[in-house]
C-alpha atoms as a PDB file:
ATOM      1  CA  MET A   1     -57.044 -54.541  -8.477  1.00  0.00           C
ATOM      2  CA  ASN A   2     -54.637 -52.608  -6.289  1.00  0.00           C
ATOM      3  CA  GLU A   3     -51.082 -52.283  -7.570  1.00  0.00           C
ATOM      4  CA  PRO A   4     -48.352 -53.385  -5.130  1.00  0.00           C
ATOM      5  CA  GLN A   5     -46.801 -50.461  -3.310  1.00  0.00           C
ATOM      6  CA  GLN A   6     -43.256 -49.669  -4.393  1.00  0.00           C
ATOM      7  CA  LYS A   7     -40.552 -50.051  -1.776  1.00  0.00           C
ATOM      8  CA  TRP A   8     -37.693 -47.626  -2.142  1.00  0.00           C
ATOM      9  CA  THR A   9     -34.213 -48.803  -1.204  1.00  0.00           C
ATOM     10  CA  GLU A  10     -33.148 -45.275  -0.318  1.00  0.00           C
ATOM     11  CA  THR A  11     -34.967 -42.057   0.453  1.00  0.00           C
ATOM     12  CA  ILE A  12     -33.230 -38.707  -0.065  1.00  0.00           C
ATOM     13  CA  GLY A  13     -34.295 -35.966   2.303  1.00  0.00           C
ATOM     14  CA  SER A  14     -33.034 -32.797   3.960  1.00  0.00           C
ATOM     15  CA  ASN A  15     -34.154 -33.498   7.493  1.00  0.00           C
ATOM     16  CA  HIS A  16     -30.730 -34.242   8.964  1.00  0.00           C
ATOM     17  CA  SER A  17     -29.475 -32.125  11.818  1.00  0.00           C
ATOM     18  CA  LEU A  18     -27.263 -29.104  11.199  1.00  0.00           C
ATOM     19  CA  PHE A  19     -24.710 -30.702  13.496  1.00  0.00           C
ATOM     20  CA  ASP A  20     -24.714 -34.029  11.667  1.00  0.00           C
ATOM     21  CA  LEU A  21     -21.515 -34.821   9.750  1.00  0.00           C
ATOM     22  CA  GLN A  22     -23.201 -37.778   7.994  1.00  0.00           C
ATOM     23  CA  LEU A  23     -19.927 -39.683   8.293  1.00  0.00           C
ATOM     24  CA  LYS A  24     -21.608 -43.051   7.653  1.00  0.00           C
ATOM     25  CA  GLU A  25     -23.082 -41.774   4.405  1.00  0.00           C
ATOM     26  CA  VAL A  26     -19.779 -40.131   3.415  1.00  0.00           C
ATOM     27  CA  TRP A  27     -18.006 -43.448   4.036  1.00  0.00           C
ATOM     28  CA  ARG A  28     -20.448 -45.196   1.711  1.00  0.00           C
ATOM     29  CA  TYR A  29     -19.303 -42.819  -1.032  1.00  0.00           C
ATOM     30  CA  LYS A  30     -15.565 -43.348  -0.393  1.00  0.00           C
ATOM     31  CA  ASP A  31     -15.132 -44.530  -3.978  1.00  0.00           C
ATOM     32  CA  LEU A  32     -16.473 -41.186  -5.180  1.00  0.00           C
ATOM     33  CA  ILE A  33     -13.973 -39.388  -2.939  1.00  0.00           C
ATOM     34  CA  TYR A  34     -11.220 -41.472  -4.528  1.00  0.00           C
ATOM     35  CA  MET A  35     -12.450 -40.528  -8.020  1.00  0.00           C
ATOM     36  CA  PHE A  36     -12.545 -36.815  -7.149  1.00  0.00           C
ATOM     37  CA  VAL A  37      -9.054 -36.958  -5.627  1.00  0.00           C
ATOM     38  CA  LYS A  38      -7.707 -38.777  -8.683  1.00  0.00           C
ATOM     39  CA  ARG A  39      -9.395 -36.276 -11.011  1.00  0.00           C
ATOM     40  CA  ASP A  40      -8.009 -33.244  -9.161  1.00  0.00           C
ATOM     41  CA  PHE A  41      -4.503 -34.694  -8.953  1.00  0.00           C
ATOM     42  CA  ILE A  42      -4.306 -35.686 -12.628  1.00  0.00           C
ATOM     43  CA  SER A  43      -5.892 -32.465 -13.903  1.00  0.00           C
ATOM     44  CA  SER A  44      -3.210 -30.470 -12.065  1.00  0.00           C
ATOM     45  CA  PHE A  45      -0.528 -31.516 -14.556  1.00  0.00           C
ATOM     46  CA  LYS A  46      -2.575 -32.773 -17.506  1.00  0.00           C
ATOM     47  CA  GLN A  47      -1.467 -31.273 -20.852  1.00  0.00           C
ATOM     48  CA  THR A  48       1.634 -29.735 -19.279  1.00  0.00           C
ATOM     49  CA  ILE A  49       5.239 -30.094 -20.433  1.00  0.00           C
ATOM     50  CA  LEU A  50       6.826 -30.798 -17.053  1.00  0.00           C
ATOM     51  CA  GLY A  51       3.912 -32.730 -15.555  1.00  0.00           C
ATOM     52  CA  PRO A  52       4.278 -33.551 -11.821  1.00  0.00           C
ATOM     53  CA  ILE A  53       7.598 -31.679 -11.758  1.00  0.00           C
ATOM     54  CA  TRP A  54       5.521 -28.494 -11.373  1.00  0.00           C
ATOM     55  CA  PHE A  55       4.847 -29.577  -7.791  1.00  0.00           C
ATOM     56  CA  PHE A  56       8.570 -29.095  -7.153  1.00  0.00           C
ATOM     57  CA  VAL A  57       9.061 -26.001  -9.302  1.00  0.00           C
ATOM     58  CA  ASN A  58       6.632 -23.860  -7.293  1.00  0.00           C
ATOM     59  CA  PRO A  59       8.228 -24.312  -3.837  1.00  0.00           C
ATOM     60  CA  ILE A  60      11.764 -24.101  -5.248  1.00  0.00           C
ATOM     61  CA  PHE A  61      11.275 -20.762  -7.005  1.00  0.00           C
ATOM     62  CA  THR A  62       9.150 -19.374  -4.172  1.00  0.00           C
ATOM     63  CA  THR A  63      11.826 -20.324  -1.649  1.00  0.00           C
ATOM     64  CA  ILE A  64      14.562 -18.703  -3.740  1.00  0.00           C
ATOM     65  CA  THR A  65      12.459 -15.534  -4.078  1.00  0.00           C
ATOM     66  CA  TYR A  66      11.869 -15.351  -0.325  1.00  0.00           C
ATOM     67  CA  LEU A  67      15.542 -16.011   0.343  1.00  0.00           C
ATOM     68  CA  ILE A  68      16.562 -13.082  -1.845  1.00  0.00           C
ATOM     69  CA  ILE A  69      13.858 -10.600  -0.809  1.00  0.00           C
ATOM     70  CA  PHE A  70      13.362 -11.369   2.870  1.00  0.00           C
ATOM     71  CA  GLY A  71      16.712 -12.942   3.640  1.00  0.00           C
ATOM     72  CA  ARG A  72      19.203 -10.838   1.682  1.00  0.00           C
ATOM     73  CA  PHE A  73      17.438  -7.479   1.355  1.00  0.00           C
ATOM     74  CA  ALA A  74      15.022  -7.302   4.295  1.00  0.00           C
ATOM     75  CA  LYS A  75      17.429  -9.360   6.454  1.00  0.00           C
ATOM     76  CA  LEU A  76      14.663 -11.023   8.432  1.00  0.00           C
ATOM     77  CA  PRO A  77      16.052 -13.468  11.011  1.00  0.00           C
ATOM     78  CA  THR A  78      15.585 -17.227  10.781  1.00  0.00           C
ATOM     79  CA  ASP A  79      16.553 -18.002  14.392  1.00  0.00           C
ATOM     80  CA  GLY A  80      19.841 -19.449  13.176  1.00  0.00           C
ATOM     81  CA  ALA A  81      18.311 -21.979  10.780  1.00  0.00           C
ATOM     82  CA  PRO A  82      19.612 -22.208   7.194  1.00  0.00           C
ATOM     83  CA  GLY A  83      17.602 -19.727   5.116  1.00  0.00           C
ATOM     84  CA  ILE A  84      16.696 -22.169   2.360  1.00  0.00           C
ATOM     85  CA  LEU A  85      15.370 -24.761   4.797  1.00  0.00           C
ATOM     86  CA  PHE A  86      13.540 -22.174   6.897  1.00  0.00           C
ATOM     87  CA  TYR A  87      11.669 -20.682   3.934  1.00  0.00           C
ATOM     88  CA  LEU A  88      11.083 -24.070   2.309  1.00  0.00           C
ATOM     89  CA  ALA A  89       9.384 -25.307   5.485  1.00  0.00           C
ATOM     90  CA  GLY A  90       7.077 -22.282   5.518  1.00  0.00           C
ATOM     91  CA  VAL A  91       6.316 -22.464   1.797  1.00  0.00           C
ATOM     92  CA  THR A  92       5.519 -26.192   1.927  1.00  0.00           C
ATOM     93  CA  LEU A  93       3.000 -25.781   4.719  1.00  0.00           C
ATOM     94  CA  TRP A  94       1.512 -22.578   3.334  1.00  0.00           C
ATOM     95  CA  ASN A  95       0.973 -24.015  -0.146  1.00  0.00           C
ATOM     96  CA  TYR A  96      -1.094 -26.802   1.353  1.00  0.00           C
ATOM     97  CA  PHE A  97      -3.209 -24.540   3.543  1.00  0.00           C
ATOM     98  CA  SER A  98      -3.912 -21.888   0.892  1.00  0.00           C
ATOM     99  CA  GLY A  99      -4.654 -24.498  -1.792  1.00  0.00           C
ATOM    100  CA  SER A 100      -7.063 -26.396   0.479  1.00  0.00           C
ATOM    101  CA  LEU A 101      -8.808 -23.235   1.651  1.00  0.00           C
ATOM    102  CA  LEU A 102      -9.301 -21.805  -1.840  1.00  0.00           C
ATOM    103  CA  GLY A 103     -10.499 -25.174  -3.139  1.00  0.00           C
ATOM    104  CA  THR A 104     -13.059 -25.827  -0.407  1.00  0.00           C
ATOM    105  CA  SER A 105     -14.308 -22.225  -0.481  1.00  0.00           C
ATOM    106  CA  SER A 106     -15.724 -22.783  -3.989  1.00  0.00           C
ATOM    107  CA  THR A 107     -17.470 -26.075  -3.181  1.00  0.00           C
ATOM    108  CA  PHE A 108     -21.005 -24.874  -3.971  1.00  0.00           C
ATOM    109  CA  THR A 109     -20.314 -22.354  -6.738  1.00  0.00           C
ATOM    110  CA  GLY A 110     -17.817 -24.576  -8.532  1.00  0.00           C
ATOM    111  CA  ASN A 111     -19.932 -27.747  -8.428  1.00  0.00           C
ATOM    112  CA  ALA A 112     -23.449 -26.329  -8.856  1.00  0.00           C
ATOM    113  CA  ASN A 113     -23.988 -28.244 -12.119  1.00  0.00           C
ATOM    114  CA  ILE A 114     -23.094 -31.579 -10.527  1.00  0.00           C
ATOM    115  CA  PHE A 115     -25.043 -30.914  -7.335  1.00  0.00           C
ATOM    116  CA  GLY A 116     -28.147 -30.045  -9.356  1.00  0.00           C
ATOM    117  CA  LYS A 117     -28.150 -33.345 -11.246  1.00  0.00           C
ATOM    118  CA  VAL A 118     -26.709 -36.068  -9.002  1.00  0.00           C
ATOM    119  CA  TYR A 119     -27.185 -36.827  -5.327  1.00  0.00           C
ATOM    120  CA  PHE A 120     -24.283 -37.628  -3.035  1.00  0.00           C
ATOM    121  CA  PRO A 121     -23.283 -36.234   0.372  1.00  0.00           C
ATOM    122  CA  ARG A 122     -22.088 -32.696  -0.380  1.00  0.00           C
ATOM    123  CA  LEU A 123     -19.377 -33.057   2.250  1.00  0.00           C
ATOM    124  CA  VAL A 124     -17.644 -35.479  -0.125  1.00  0.00           C
ATOM    125  CA  THR A 125     -16.471 -32.573  -2.285  1.00  0.00           C
ATOM    126  CA  PRO A 126     -14.569 -30.472   0.311  1.00  0.00           C
ATOM    127  CA  ILE A 127     -13.111 -33.635   1.855  1.00  0.00           C
ATOM    128  CA  SER A 128     -11.793 -34.759  -1.537  1.00  0.00           C
ATOM    129  CA  ILE A 129     -10.230 -31.327  -2.099  1.00  0.00           C
ATOM    130  CA  VAL A 130      -8.425 -31.443   1.231  1.00  0.00           C
ATOM    131  CA  ILE A 131      -7.158 -34.975   0.518  1.00  0.00           C
ATOM    132  CA  SER A 132      -5.999 -34.159  -3.025  1.00  0.00           C
ATOM    133  CA  ASN A 133      -4.063 -31.179  -1.682  1.00  0.00           C
ATOM    134  CA  LEU A 134      -2.641 -33.483   0.976  1.00  0.00           C
ATOM    135  CA  MET A 135      -1.165 -35.564  -1.847  1.00  0.00           C
ATOM    136  CA  ARG A 136       0.462 -32.437  -3.278  1.00  0.00           C
ATOM    137  CA  LEU A 137       1.802 -31.680   0.180  1.00  0.00           C
ATOM    138  CA  GLY A 138       3.319 -35.166   0.276  1.00  0.00           C
ATOM    139  CA  VAL A 139       5.122 -34.561  -3.022  1.00  0.00           C
ATOM    140  CA  GLN A 140       6.495 -31.190  -1.878  1.00  0.00           C
ATOM    141  CA  PHE A 141       7.360 -32.631   1.519  1.00  0.00           C
ATOM    142  CA  ILE A 142       9.742 -35.012  -0.250  1.00  0.00           C
ATOM    143  CA  LEU A 143      11.628 -31.968  -1.537  1.00  0.00           C
ATOM    144  CA  PHE A 144      11.817 -30.600   2.003  1.00  0.00           C
ATOM    145  CA  ILE A 145      13.108 -33.951   3.315  1.00  0.00           C
ATOM    146  CA  VAL A 146      15.882 -34.014   0.686  1.00  0.00           C
ATOM    147  CA  ALA A 147      17.040 -30.523   1.676  1.00  0.00           C
ATOM    148  CA  TRP A 148      16.639 -31.392   5.371  1.00  0.00           C
ATOM    149  CA  ILE A 149      18.853 -34.492   5.066  1.00  0.00           C
ATOM    150  CA  TYR A 150      21.555 -32.381   3.395  1.00  0.00           C
ATOM    151  CA  TYR A 151      21.666 -29.826   6.225  1.00  0.00           C
ATOM    152  CA  LEU A 152      21.347 -32.557   8.838  1.00  0.00           C
ATOM    153  CA  ALA A 153      24.373 -34.353   7.385  1.00  0.00           C
ATOM    154  CA  ASN A 154      26.326 -31.071   7.634  1.00  0.00           C
ATOM    155  CA  LYS A 155      25.147 -30.671  11.264  1.00  0.00           C
ATOM    156  CA  GLU A 156      23.596 -27.263  10.596  1.00  0.00           C
ATOM    157  CA  ILE A 157      20.282 -28.146  12.253  1.00  0.00           C
ATOM    158  CA  THR A 158      19.321 -29.839  15.513  1.00  0.00           C
ATOM    159  CA  PRO A 159      15.924 -31.566  15.173  1.00  0.00           C
ATOM    160  CA  ASN A 160      14.090 -32.994  18.178  1.00  0.00           C
ATOM    161  CA  TRP A 161      11.271 -35.343  19.137  1.00  0.00           C
ATOM    162  CA  TRP A 162       8.581 -32.841  18.116  1.00  0.00           C
ATOM    163  CA  ILE A 163       9.098 -34.220  14.600  1.00  0.00           C
ATOM    164  CA  LEU A 164       6.719 -36.993  15.650  1.00  0.00           C
ATOM    165  CA  ALA A 165       3.902 -34.423  15.853  1.00  0.00           C
ATOM    166  CA  THR A 166       4.083 -33.823  12.078  1.00  0.00           C
ATOM    167  CA  PRO A 167       1.087 -36.040  11.124  1.00  0.00           C
ATOM    168  CA  PHE A 168      -1.026 -34.271  13.752  1.00  0.00           C
ATOM    169  CA  LEU A 169       0.083 -30.879  12.415  1.00  0.00           C
ATOM    170  CA  PHE A 170      -0.961 -31.840   8.879  1.00  0.00           C
ATOM    171  CA  ILE A 171      -4.351 -33.100  10.089  1.00  0.00           C
ATOM    172  CA  LEU A 172      -4.893 -29.971  12.183  1.00  0.00           C
ATOM    173  CA  MET A 173      -4.044 -27.736   9.233  1.00  0.00           C
ATOM    174  CA  ALA A 174      -6.392 -29.747   7.008  1.00  0.00           C
ATOM    175  CA  LEU A 175      -9.262 -29.389   9.487  1.00  0.00           C
ATOM    176  CA  PHE A 176      -8.625 -25.651   9.840  1.00  0.00           C
ATOM    177  CA  ALA A 177      -8.690 -25.170   6.058  1.00  0.00           C
ATOM    178  CA  LEU A 178     -11.783 -27.386   5.828  1.00  0.00           C
ATOM    179  CA  GLY A 179     -13.664 -25.445   8.509  1.00  0.00           C
ATOM    180  CA  VAL A 180     -12.886 -21.980   7.163  1.00  0.00           C
ATOM    181  CA  GLY A 181     -13.379 -23.176   3.575  1.00  0.00           C
ATOM    182  CA  MET A 182     -16.865 -24.513   4.350  1.00  0.00           C
ATOM    183  CA  ILE A 183     -17.803 -21.207   5.973  1.00  0.00           C
ATOM    184  CA  PHE A 184     -16.771 -19.270   2.867  1.00  0.00           C
ATOM    185  CA  SER A 185     -18.335 -21.831   0.514  1.00  0.00           C
ATOM    186  CA  ALA A 186     -21.650 -21.236   2.279  1.00  0.00           C
ATOM    187  CA  LEU A 187     -21.306 -17.446   2.200  1.00  0.00           C
ATOM    188  CA  THR A 188     -20.262 -17.238  -1.468  1.00  0.00           C
ATOM    189  CA  THR A 189     -23.524 -18.848  -2.599  1.00  0.00           C
ATOM    190  CA  LYS A 190     -25.209 -15.564  -1.705  1.00  0.00           C
ATOM    191  CA  TYR A 191     -22.321 -13.086  -1.788  1.00  0.00           C
ATOM    192  CA  LYS A 192     -20.187 -14.055  -4.778  1.00  0.00           C
ATOM    193  CA  ASP A 193     -17.724 -11.171  -4.406  1.00  0.00           C
ATOM    194  CA  LEU A 194     -16.488 -12.809  -1.191  1.00  0.00           C
ATOM    195  CA  SER A 195     -14.485 -15.215  -3.355  1.00  0.00           C
ATOM    196  CA  MET A 196     -12.391 -12.306  -4.623  1.00  0.00           C
ATOM    197  CA  LEU A 197     -12.062 -10.943  -1.104  1.00  0.00           C
ATOM    198  CA  LEU A 198     -10.891 -14.343   0.099  1.00  0.00           C
ATOM    199  CA  GLY A 199      -8.066 -14.471  -2.451  1.00  0.00           C
ATOM    200  CA  PHE A 200      -6.873 -11.062  -1.321  1.00  0.00           C
ATOM    201  CA  GLY A 201      -7.350 -11.990   2.337  1.00  0.00           C
ATOM    202  CA  ILE A 202      -5.232 -15.133   2.020  1.00  0.00           C
ATOM    203  CA  SER A 203      -2.363 -13.066   0.607  1.00  0.00           C
ATOM    204  CA  LEU A 204      -2.536 -10.764   3.625  1.00  0.00           C
ATOM    205  CA  TYR A 205      -3.000 -13.670   6.034  1.00  0.00           C
ATOM    206  CA  MET A 206       0.347 -15.097   4.984  1.00  0.00           C
ATOM    207  CA  TYR A 207       2.087 -12.071   6.482  1.00  0.00           C
ATOM    208  CA  ALA A 208       0.192 -12.596   9.739  1.00  0.00           C
ATOM    209  CA  THR A 209       1.516 -16.165   9.826  1.00  0.00           C
ATOM    210  CA  PRO A 210       5.161 -17.077  10.572  1.00  0.00           C
ATOM    211  CA  VAL A 211       5.918 -18.236   7.030  1.00  0.00           C
ATOM    212  CA  ILE A 212       8.787 -15.854   6.231  1.00  0.00           C
ATOM    213  CA  TYR A 213       9.717 -14.842   9.758  1.00  0.00           C
ATOM    214  CA  PRO A 214       9.947 -16.436  13.222  1.00  0.00           C
ATOM    215  CA  VAL A 215       7.571 -15.444  16.020  1.00  0.00           C
ATOM    216  CA  SER A 216      10.621 -14.624  18.157  1.00  0.00           C
ATOM    217  CA  MET A 217      11.259 -11.441  16.138  1.00  0.00           C
ATOM    218  CA  LEU A 218       7.856  -9.958  16.992  1.00  0.00           C
ATOM    219  CA  PRO A 219       7.558  -7.434  19.838  1.00  0.00           C
ATOM    220  CA  GLY A 220       5.673  -8.489  22.982  1.00  0.00           C
ATOM    221  CA  TYR A 221       2.148  -7.365  22.063  1.00  0.00           C
ATOM    222  CA  PHE A 222       2.247  -8.754  18.525  1.00  0.00           C
ATOM    223  CA  LYS A 223       3.867 -11.971  19.734  1.00  0.00           C
ATOM    224  CA  ASN A 224       0.965 -12.591  22.125  1.00  0.00           C
ATOM    225  CA  LEU A 225      -1.522 -11.676  19.417  1.00  0.00           C
ATOM    226  CA  ALA A 226       0.137 -14.052  16.923  1.00  0.00           C
ATOM    227  CA  LYS A 227      -0.475 -16.990  19.258  1.00  0.00           C
ATOM    228  CA  PHE A 228      -4.221 -16.686  18.575  1.00  0.00           C
ATOM    229  CA  ASN A 229      -3.562 -17.403  14.906  1.00  0.00           C
ATOM    230  CA  PRO A 230      -4.256 -21.165  14.565  1.00  0.00           C
ATOM    231  CA  LEU A 231      -1.449 -21.511  12.022  1.00  0.00           C
ATOM    232  CA  THR A 232       1.171 -19.995  14.343  1.00  0.00           C
ATOM    233  CA  GLY A 233       1.322 -23.016  16.629  1.00  0.00           C
ATOM    234  CA  ILE A 234       1.387 -25.376  13.631  1.00  0.00           C
ATOM    235  CA  PHE A 235       4.193 -23.570  11.781  1.00  0.00           C
ATOM    236  CA  GLU A 236       6.277 -22.943  14.895  1.00  0.00           C
ATOM    237  CA  CYS A 237       5.942 -26.556  16.057  1.00  0.00           C
ATOM    238  CA  PHE A 238       6.944 -27.838  12.620  1.00  0.00           C
ATOM    239  CA  LYS A 239      10.031 -25.617  12.447  1.00  0.00           C
ATOM    240  CA  TYR A 240      10.947 -26.327  16.049  1.00  0.00           C
ATOM    241  CA  GLY A 241      10.729 -30.088  15.536  1.00  0.00           C
ATOM    242  CA  TRP A 242      12.507 -30.316  12.182  1.00  0.00           C
ATOM    243  CA  LEU A 243      14.956 -27.407  12.445  1.00  0.00           C
ATOM    244  CA  GLY A 244      15.326 -27.078  16.194  1.00  0.00           C
ATOM    245  CA  VAL A 245      14.580 -23.342  16.144  1.00  0.00           C
ATOM    246  CA  GLY A 246      11.654 -21.112  17.051  1.00  0.00           C
ATOM    247  CA  ASP A 247       9.752 -19.692  19.979  1.00  0.00           C
ATOM    248  CA  PHE A 248       7.476 -22.700  20.429  1.00  0.00           C
ATOM    249  CA  SER A 249       5.523 -23.931  23.431  1.00  0.00           C
ATOM    250  CA  PRO A 250       2.888 -26.699  23.661  1.00  0.00           C
ATOM    251  CA  THR A 251       0.371 -24.045  24.740  1.00  0.00           C
ATOM    252  CA  MET A 252       0.500 -22.565  21.235  1.00  0.00           C
ATOM    253  CA  LEU A 253      -0.511 -25.930  19.768  1.00  0.00           C
ATOM    254  CA  ILE A 254      -3.345 -26.301  22.281  1.00  0.00           C
ATOM    255  CA  VAL A 255      -4.685 -22.862  21.303  1.00  0.00           C
ATOM    256  CA  SER A 256      -4.456 -23.819  17.605  1.00  0.00           C
ATOM    257  CA  THR A 257      -6.373 -27.044  18.267  1.00  0.00           C
ATOM    258  CA  ILE A 258      -9.172 -25.343  20.215  1.00  0.00           C
ATOM    259  CA  ILE A 259      -9.688 -22.574  17.635  1.00  0.00           C
ATOM    260  CA  THR A 260      -9.599 -25.122  14.793  1.00  0.00           C
ATOM    261  CA  ILE A 261     -12.291 -27.259  16.452  1.00  0.00           C
ATOM    262  CA  ILE A 262     -14.498 -24.193  16.960  1.00  0.00           C
ATOM    263  CA  LEU A 263     -14.122 -23.057  13.333  1.00  0.00           C
ATOM    264  CA  LEU A 264     -14.727 -26.604  12.063  1.00  0.00           C
ATOM    265  CA  PHE A 265     -17.927 -26.766  14.117  1.00  0.00           C
ATOM    266  CA  ILE A 266     -19.117 -23.432  12.695  1.00  0.00           C
ATOM    267  CA  GLY A 267     -18.178 -24.599   9.203  1.00  0.00           C
ATOM    268  CA  ILE A 268     -20.199 -27.808   9.553  1.00  0.00           C
ATOM    269  CA  VAL A 269     -23.285 -25.934  10.763  1.00  0.00           C
ATOM    270  CA  THR A 270     -23.184 -23.301   8.003  1.00  0.00           C
ATOM    271  CA  PHE A 271     -22.391 -25.908   5.334  1.00  0.00           C
ATOM    272  CA  ASN A 272     -25.301 -28.151   6.363  1.00  0.00           C
ATOM    273  CA  LYS A 273     -27.666 -25.185   6.498  1.00  0.00           C
ATOM    274  CA  VAL A 274     -26.789 -23.822   3.053  1.00  0.00           C
ATOM    275  CA  GLU A 275     -26.658 -27.311   1.522  1.00  0.00           C
ATOM    276  CA  LYS A 276     -30.459 -27.552   1.673  1.00  0.00           C
ATOM    277  CA  THR A 277     -31.239 -24.339  -0.204  1.00  0.00           C
ATOM    278  CA  PHE A 278     -28.103 -23.279  -2.103  1.00  0.00           C
ATOM    279  CA  MET A 279     -29.534 -24.252  -5.542  1.00  0.00           C
ATOM    280  CA  ASP A 280     -32.013 -21.395  -5.151  1.00  0.00           C
ATOM    281  CA  THR A 281     -29.251 -18.791  -4.856  1.00  0.00           C
ATOM    282  CA  VAL A 282     -26.334 -20.118  -6.949  1.00  0.00           C
END
């Protein structure tokens, strides 16, 4: 007597295209993304004395340090914007980008144990990291808004309609960090010392980004070169919209968008390729 053939409700395979984002499958696991985001957010201040207050402590002390070193001693210009607000804007954005990039860059090496035991779309992990860091950005952005309202009430800044581009700037920065992070997460499965190089590279990259200085202070050649940095358009647009200062043009934002899309595409391809075989090298 022949036994009835089993019918599987789901078949797991690795035959999807390298260019496939598997967004439908990722959406099916949205509850898992929520759990990862909740875990990352809570673990950030679990068993700490100050708890969520640490999200405010970091930008406050970093801003004060930059104000003393780069504002008082180095005397770097701020294009007429209040020093505290200028540095706080840069620190808030930079904290989000660097945190998202470092988090996504360790997707495979940091989650090898989970990936080897349970199936779910691997893209869930970097997406959850970017979203959890977005929540931290929201908390620190509140601090920026409080300081911004103070200087606005004293008429020391002149914001404009480019403020409305803020959600797009956050999304663009998230996609840039996601794309570059996926590239490094794929590379570190084989070359583990790249993770140390990335940490050092991010520190240097900050000085190539207008975090502590405006693009307007750069000489002609370096100013043109800085426009090819995807973060330049984002940071300059943010400061121009909220503070009313900076050497910003819509072309800079277009360049940032194009480069971000290219890097995200490369990140997706490399991530999907390594996803199939990374357990053999991690």
